[in-house]
Protein backbone atom coordinates (compact mmCIF):
# COMPACT_ATOMS: atom_id res chain seq x y z
CA MET A 1 -8.00 -3.84 -4.47
CA PRO A 2 -4.41 -3.62 -3.14
CA GLU A 3 -4.18 -1.91 0.35
CA GLY A 4 -1.83 0.51 1.92
CA HIS A 5 0.88 -1.94 2.70
CA SER A 6 0.94 -3.27 -0.99
CA VAL A 7 1.49 0.09 -2.15
CA HIS A 8 4.45 0.60 0.24
CA ARG A 9 6.32 -2.64 -0.52
CA ILE A 10 6.12 -1.43 -4.39
CA ALA A 11 7.44 2.00 -3.25
CA ASN A 12 10.27 -0.10 -1.66
CA GLN A 13 11.05 -2.01 -4.85
CA PHE A 14 11.32 1.06 -6.94
CA GLU A 15 13.25 2.71 -4.14
CA ALA A 16 15.81 -0.30 -3.97
CA HIS A 17 16.30 -0.65 -7.61
CA PHE A 18 15.04 2.38 -9.85
CA VAL A 19 16.04 5.44 -7.69
CA GLY A 20 19.01 7.10 -8.91
CA GLU A 21 18.90 5.03 -12.36
CA ARG A 22 18.38 6.74 -15.46
CA VAL A 23 14.86 5.13 -16.94
CA ALA A 24 13.79 4.49 -20.44
CA VAL A 25 10.03 4.93 -20.20
CA THR A 26 7.47 3.60 -22.82
CA SER A 27 4.01 2.92 -23.43
CA PRO A 28 3.77 -0.59 -24.91
CA GLN A 29 -0.05 -0.52 -25.09
CA GLY A 30 0.06 3.00 -26.45
CA ARG A 31 -2.31 4.75 -24.10
CA PHE A 32 0.01 6.49 -22.25
CA ALA A 33 2.51 7.36 -24.79
CA ALA A 34 2.52 11.19 -24.49
CA GLY A 35 3.19 10.91 -20.61
CA ALA A 36 5.77 8.31 -21.29
CA ALA A 37 7.64 10.91 -23.26
CA ARG A 38 7.71 13.43 -20.71
CA LEU A 39 9.58 11.10 -18.49
CA ASP A 40 11.79 9.04 -20.90
CA GLY A 41 15.42 9.30 -20.48
CA LEU A 42 15.15 11.04 -16.86
CA THR A 43 16.64 9.78 -13.64
CA MET A 44 14.33 8.39 -11.02
CA THR A 45 14.96 10.40 -7.96
CA ASP A 46 12.35 9.10 -5.37
CA ALA A 47 9.56 6.72 -4.75
CA GLN A 48 6.64 7.28 -2.26
CA ALA A 49 3.45 5.63 -1.15
CA VAL A 50 0.67 7.36 0.37
CA GLY A 51 -2.05 5.07 1.29
CA LYS A 52 -2.97 3.21 -1.98
CA GLN A 53 -1.29 5.95 -4.08
CA LEU A 54 2.36 5.57 -5.72
CA PHE A 55 4.50 8.66 -6.80
CA LEU A 56 7.54 8.20 -8.61
CA GLU A 57 9.73 11.52 -9.12
CA PHE A 58 11.86 11.93 -12.06
CA ALA A 59 14.11 14.80 -12.95
CA GLU A 60 16.87 15.34 -15.60
CA ALA A 61 19.71 16.67 -13.01
CA GLU A 62 19.78 17.40 -9.32
CA ASP A 63 18.66 21.10 -9.85
CA ALA A 64 16.57 20.28 -12.69
CA PRO A 65 12.39 20.65 -12.44
CA ARG A 66 10.72 17.62 -11.12
CA ARG A 67 8.10 15.46 -12.71
CA TRP A 68 5.98 12.76 -10.91
CA LEU A 69 4.54 9.71 -12.25
CA ARG A 70 1.20 9.36 -10.18
CA VAL A 71 -0.41 5.52 -10.13
CA HIS A 72 -3.32 4.17 -8.54
CA LEU A 73 -3.67 0.58 -9.13
CA GLY A 74 -7.29 0.38 -8.36
CA ILE A 75 -9.14 -3.05 -8.60
CA TYR A 76 -7.13 -4.61 -11.57
CA GLY A 77 -3.85 -2.83 -11.54
CA ALA A 78 -0.45 -4.48 -10.96
CA TRP A 79 3.10 -3.81 -11.39
CA ASP A 80 5.42 -6.57 -12.94
CA PHE A 81 9.08 -6.38 -11.79
CA ALA A 82 11.77 -8.29 -13.66
CA GLY A 83 15.52 -8.43 -13.85
CA ASP A 84 18.16 -8.11 -11.06
CA VAL A 85 15.06 -7.52 -8.34
CA SER A 86 14.80 -8.42 -4.72
CA VAL A 87 11.81 -10.53 -3.79
CA ASP A 88 11.49 -8.37 -0.77
CA ALA A 89 12.76 -4.91 -1.22
CA SER A 90 11.58 -3.90 2.15
CA ALA A 91 14.79 -5.42 3.39
CA LEU A 92 16.92 -3.05 0.97
CA ALA A 93 14.96 0.26 1.21
CA ALA A 94 17.44 2.90 2.66
CA GLY A 95 16.73 5.95 4.32
CA GLY A 96 13.79 7.14 6.07
CA ARG A 97 10.37 8.08 4.58
CA ILE A 98 9.36 11.57 3.30
CA GLY A 99 6.24 13.09 5.37
CA GLN A 100 3.13 14.07 3.43
CA THR A 101 4.31 17.63 3.04
CA GLY A 102 7.78 16.72 2.69
CA MET A 103 7.99 14.52 -0.40
CA LYS A 104 11.21 15.97 -2.14
CA GLY A 105 9.70 18.49 -4.50
CA VAL A 106 6.47 18.79 -3.18
CA GLY A 107 6.87 21.48 -0.22
CA ASP A 108 9.02 22.30 2.81
CA GLY A 109 8.41 19.35 5.21
CA THR A 110 11.24 17.54 6.67
CA GLN A 111 11.94 13.84 6.65
CA SER A 112 10.18 11.48 9.33
CA GLY A 113 10.21 8.01 10.36
CA ALA A 114 12.19 5.20 9.04
CA GLY A 115 11.84 2.73 6.38
CA THR A 116 10.26 -0.61 7.45
CA GLN A 117 12.71 -3.40 7.33
CA GLY A 118 12.00 -7.05 7.82
CA GLU A 119 11.75 -10.54 6.65
CA ASN A 120 9.99 -11.60 3.26
CA GLU A 121 6.78 -13.88 3.41
CA ASP A 122 7.78 -17.73 3.75
CA SER A 123 5.95 -18.19 0.21
CA LEU A 124 8.68 -16.52 -1.35
CA ALA A 125 12.24 -17.76 -1.91
CA SER A 126 14.75 -15.07 -1.38
CA ILE A 127 15.54 -12.29 1.03
CA GLY A 128 17.67 -9.34 0.68
CA ALA A 129 20.00 -9.52 -2.25
CA PRO A 130 18.82 -8.70 -5.81
CA ARG A 131 18.45 -11.73 -8.21
CA ARG A 132 17.08 -12.03 -11.49
CA THR A 133 13.53 -13.02 -11.16
CA ARG A 134 10.07 -12.04 -12.21
CA LEU A 135 7.83 -10.71 -9.57
CA ARG A 136 4.35 -9.55 -9.71
CA MET A 137 3.07 -7.07 -7.15
CA ALA A 138 -0.65 -6.17 -6.60
CA GLU A 139 -3.02 -7.12 -3.96
CA SER A 140 -0.85 -10.34 -3.59
CA GLU A 141 2.53 -11.22 -4.81
CA LYS A 142 3.93 -13.93 -6.92
CA GLU A 143 7.35 -14.90 -8.16
CA THR A 144 8.34 -16.85 -11.37
CA GLU A 145 11.68 -17.72 -12.97
CA LEU A 146 12.74 -15.29 -15.58
CA SER A 147 14.02 -16.60 -19.19
CA GLU A 148 15.36 -13.33 -20.67
CA PHE A 149 15.95 -9.90 -19.77
CA PRO A 150 14.45 -7.54 -20.77
CA SER A 151 11.56 -9.81 -21.66
CA PRO A 152 9.28 -8.20 -24.47
CA PRO A 153 5.99 -6.79 -22.95
CA VAL A 154 3.03 -9.31 -22.80
CA GLY A 155 -0.63 -8.05 -22.76
CA GLN A 156 -1.80 -4.41 -22.12
CA VAL A 157 1.31 -2.84 -20.62
CA ARG A 158 0.39 0.73 -19.72
CA VAL A 159 4.11 1.65 -18.91
CA ARG A 160 7.35 0.17 -19.00
CA LEU A 161 10.17 1.66 -17.01
CA LEU A 162 13.56 0.04 -18.02
CA THR A 163 16.89 0.44 -16.51
CA ASP A 164 20.06 -1.57 -17.38
CA THR A 165 19.27 -4.47 -14.64
CA ALA A 166 15.59 -4.27 -13.93
CA VAL A 167 12.24 -3.52 -15.60
CA ALA A 168 8.72 -2.63 -14.34
CA ASP A 169 5.60 -2.84 -16.23
CA LEU A 170 2.44 -1.60 -15.07
CA ARG A 171 -0.98 -2.99 -16.05
CA GLY A 172 -4.62 -2.34 -15.53
CA PRO A 173 -4.23 1.21 -13.36
CA THR A 174 -7.19 3.46 -12.37
CA ALA A 175 -4.78 6.29 -12.56
CA CYS A 176 -1.80 6.67 -14.39
CA GLU A 177 -0.47 10.49 -15.09
CA VAL A 178 2.30 12.86 -14.98
CA LEU A 179 2.17 15.46 -12.42
CA THR A 180 3.95 18.82 -11.47
CA PRO A 181 5.03 19.06 -7.72
CA GLU A 182 2.26 21.32 -7.16
CA GLU A 183 -0.31 18.91 -8.56
CA VAL A 184 1.20 16.07 -6.50
CA ALA A 185 0.81 18.27 -3.50
CA ALA A 186 -2.70 18.81 -4.38
CA VAL A 187 -3.74 15.15 -4.67
CA ILE A 188 -1.97 14.39 -1.32
CA ALA A 189 -3.88 17.38 0.16
CA THR A 190 -7.13 15.30 -0.33
CA LEU A 191 -5.58 12.25 1.41
CA GLY A 192 -5.96 11.33 5.11
CA PRO A 193 -2.69 10.67 7.26
CA ASP A 194 -0.84 7.34 6.49
CA PRO A 195 1.15 5.99 9.48
CA ILE A 196 4.14 5.17 7.62
CA VAL A 197 4.30 8.54 5.74
CA ASP A 198 3.58 10.88 8.82
CA PRO A 199 4.08 8.40 11.94
CA GLY A 200 3.71 11.31 14.57
CA GLN A 201 1.25 12.45 17.21
CA ALA A 202 -0.09 15.21 14.62
CA SER A 203 -1.50 12.39 12.18
CA GLU A 204 -3.04 10.47 15.06
CA ASP A 205 -4.75 13.64 16.37
CA ARG A 206 -5.81 14.47 12.82
CA PHE A 207 -7.45 11.00 12.23
CA VAL A 208 -9.14 11.16 15.64
CA GLU A 209 -10.49 14.58 14.91
CA ALA A 210 -11.68 13.63 11.26
CA VAL A 211 -13.47 10.61 13.06
CA ARG A 212 -15.22 11.95 16.00
CA LYS A 213 -16.60 15.28 14.09
CA ARG A 214 -18.86 13.00 11.73
CA ARG A 215 -21.84 10.94 12.25
CA THR A 216 -21.22 8.52 9.36
CA PRO A 217 -20.72 4.87 10.69
CA ILE A 218 -16.87 4.01 11.63
CA GLY A 219 -17.35 1.21 9.13
CA LEU A 220 -17.42 3.80 6.42
CA LEU A 221 -15.19 6.48 7.78
CA LEU A 222 -12.37 3.85 7.96
CA MET A 223 -12.94 3.33 4.07
CA ASP A 224 -12.97 7.11 3.34
CA GLN A 225 -9.23 7.89 1.97
CA SER A 226 -9.81 11.55 3.10
CA VAL A 227 -10.22 10.28 6.65
CA VAL A 228 -7.21 7.84 6.72
CA ALA A 229 -5.02 6.87 3.82
CA GLY A 230 -4.39 3.06 2.62
CA ILE A 231 -7.45 1.03 4.63
CA GLY A 232 -9.42 -1.11 2.16
CA ASN A 233 -11.89 -3.87 2.79
CA VAL A 234 -9.65 -6.50 4.84
CA TYR A 235 -7.92 -3.98 7.08
CA ARG A 236 -11.70 -2.14 7.79
CA ALA A 237 -13.34 -5.61 8.90
CA GLU A 238 -10.29 -6.70 10.80
CA LEU A 239 -9.56 -3.25 12.56
CA LEU A 240 -13.10 -3.28 13.83
CA TYR A 241 -13.21 -6.84 14.91
CA ARG A 242 -9.87 -6.19 16.86
CA ALA A 243 -11.50 -3.05 18.64
CA ARG A 244 -14.72 -5.19 19.45
CA LEU A 245 -16.61 -2.25 17.49
CA ASN A 246 -20.00 -2.20 15.87
CA PRO A 247 -19.38 -1.14 12.27
CA HIS A 248 -22.35 0.90 12.40
CA THR A 249 -21.32 3.09 15.42
CA PRO A 250 -21.35 6.87 14.42
CA GLY A 251 -18.12 8.41 14.46
CA ASN A 252 -19.04 11.35 16.59
CA VAL A 253 -20.01 9.01 19.56
CA LEU A 254 -16.73 7.11 19.21
CA PRO A 255 -14.87 7.83 22.50
CA GLU A 256 -11.50 9.40 21.96
CA ASP A 257 -9.45 6.71 23.53
CA VAL A 258 -11.00 4.19 20.94
CA ALA A 259 -10.50 6.38 18.02
CA ARG A 260 -6.75 6.70 19.12
CA THR A 261 -6.62 2.61 19.62
CA LEU A 262 -8.11 2.28 15.94
CA TRP A 263 -5.28 4.55 15.01
CA ARG A 264 -2.48 2.85 16.80
CA ASP A 265 -3.83 -0.66 15.37
CA TRP A 266 -3.81 0.55 12.09
CA GLU A 267 -0.09 1.58 12.41
CA HIS A 268 0.63 -1.75 14.07
CA LEU A 269 -1.06 -3.68 11.30
CA LEU A 270 0.12 -1.84 8.22
CA ASN A 271 3.69 -2.26 9.17
CA VAL A 272 3.15 -6.08 9.73
CA GLY A 273 1.74 -5.96 6.25
CA VAL A 274 4.81 -4.42 4.50
CA ARG A 275 7.22 -6.45 6.69
CA THR A 276 5.56 -9.78 5.85
CA GLY A 277 3.65 -8.81 2.44
CA GLN A 278 0.47 -10.24 3.91
CA MET A 279 -2.54 -8.53 5.56
CA LEU A 280 -1.74 -10.67 8.80
CA THR A 281 -4.32 -9.41 11.40
CA MET A 282 -4.10 -12.24 14.08
CA ASP A 283 -1.34 -11.60 16.71
CA ASP A 284 0.19 -13.76 19.22
CA LEU A 285 0.30 -16.56 16.99
CA ASP A 286 2.78 -19.96 17.69
CA ALA A 287 5.15 -20.80 14.98
CA GLU A 288 2.63 -23.44 13.08
CA GLY A 289 -0.20 -20.87 13.19
CA TYR A 290 2.07 -18.24 11.98
CA ALA A 291 3.04 -20.28 9.17
CA ARG A 292 -0.18 -21.41 8.33
CA ALA A 293 -1.30 -17.89 8.51
CA LEU A 294 1.31 -16.76 5.79
CA ALA A 295 0.44 -19.46 3.77
CA SER A 296 -3.25 -19.19 3.43
CA ARG A 297 -5.71 -16.34 3.75
CA ASP A 298 -8.20 -18.83 5.51
CA ASP A 299 -5.97 -18.79 8.75
CA ARG A 300 -4.85 -15.26 8.64
CA HIS A 301 -8.02 -13.07 9.64
CA TRP A 302 -10.51 -12.97 12.34
CA VAL A 303 -13.72 -12.38 10.37
CA TYR A 304 -12.77 -11.16 6.61
CA ARG A 305 -14.54 -13.61 4.28
CA ARG A 306 -15.57 -15.72 6.96
CA ALA A 307 -19.42 -15.04 6.26
CA GLY A 308 -21.31 -17.95 8.07
CA LEU A 309 -18.36 -19.33 9.84
CA PRO A 310 -18.30 -19.48 13.62
CA CYS A 311 -16.37 -16.63 15.02
CA ARG A 312 -13.18 -17.55 16.49
CA THR A 313 -13.87 -16.03 19.69
CA CYS A 314 -17.68 -16.79 20.85
CA GLY A 315 -18.84 -19.31 17.97
CA THR A 316 -21.55 -16.82 16.39
CA HIS A 317 -21.83 -17.21 12.53
CA ILE A 318 -19.94 -13.84 11.08
CA VAL A 319 -22.58 -11.68 9.25
CA LEU A 320 -21.80 -10.40 6.06
CA GLU A 321 -23.86 -7.22 4.61
CA LEU A 322 -23.17 -4.42 1.89
CA ALA A 323 -21.86 -1.10 3.20
CA ALA A 324 -21.81 1.46 0.31
CA ALA A 325 -21.73 -1.37 -2.01
CA ARG A 326 -18.67 -3.19 -0.29
CA LYS A 327 -18.73 -6.34 1.69
CA LEU A 328 -18.75 -5.83 5.34
CA TYR A 329 -17.71 -8.90 7.74
CA TRP A 330 -18.58 -8.54 11.19
CA CYS A 331 -19.54 -10.45 14.39
CA PRO A 332 -22.68 -9.64 16.03
CA VAL A 333 -21.95 -10.74 19.60
CA CYS A 334 -18.15 -9.55 19.88
CA GLN A 335 -18.94 -6.18 18.12
CA ALA A 336 -22.37 -5.65 19.73
């Protein structure tokens, strides 16, 4: 399932190439025909990610009522971009991010934080300037050549968003719906803080309070989107290892400084993920190690997907267990 960094990169792609453009919205598959009709011909006015959820805002005019397309990719969902799009839209994302209560049309909050800028991953061929290409964005990203524009929809495309220069096809989402600003606010209210959306002290305090008031193991709390938005299986395992924290430790016995360190490390790793397009969780790599990490998941993580392999630090075999039906990887010595 795509984790928070992927959804932020998708939002950056929309912000760079669709916001400000009038969009033709269709449902080639037919399952979203009614929703598409409500958005067709409107101008996309905003694109925001909160955790694993994407929100695209549409309006007829500047002072017209807003409508939002909410998308949760889930396990099988993906966006296919094609046309004059940039392989790394993070380098083009303009302006600041909007706070959780300050998404345009969703309340009275103010803009906070700055859009993440940076180089694209080594496996992709271009940076910055748009060019005619095809790019699939989900848990991972893949670029291919584009033979025609717009190309006909292929397979089960739930939603197609088309401008004069770019097209985005959505496939296999868990959630895809048109919402009012009030309904968007209600969805966001159920989510925990996202360090890119709300990077301030208040979000850190909110996370620490949510963790330390519950007896639930920290390994489950990090996956609870009402506690913190955007963390999935990979980041959960890696954050716990980097903190040398036993995943079974109840949240209410976690020292406050440890909880704050977890939040700050999540903020760091999330920004690395948005910048590189990879869940890169090993720091202080030399140039050769960094290149290997970008090229292969096997060289990118401390414990994730390393069940039975020796810990990179102590040599003990990494343990794999199921926690709430999700795979949990950890070192029983380093995280004792």
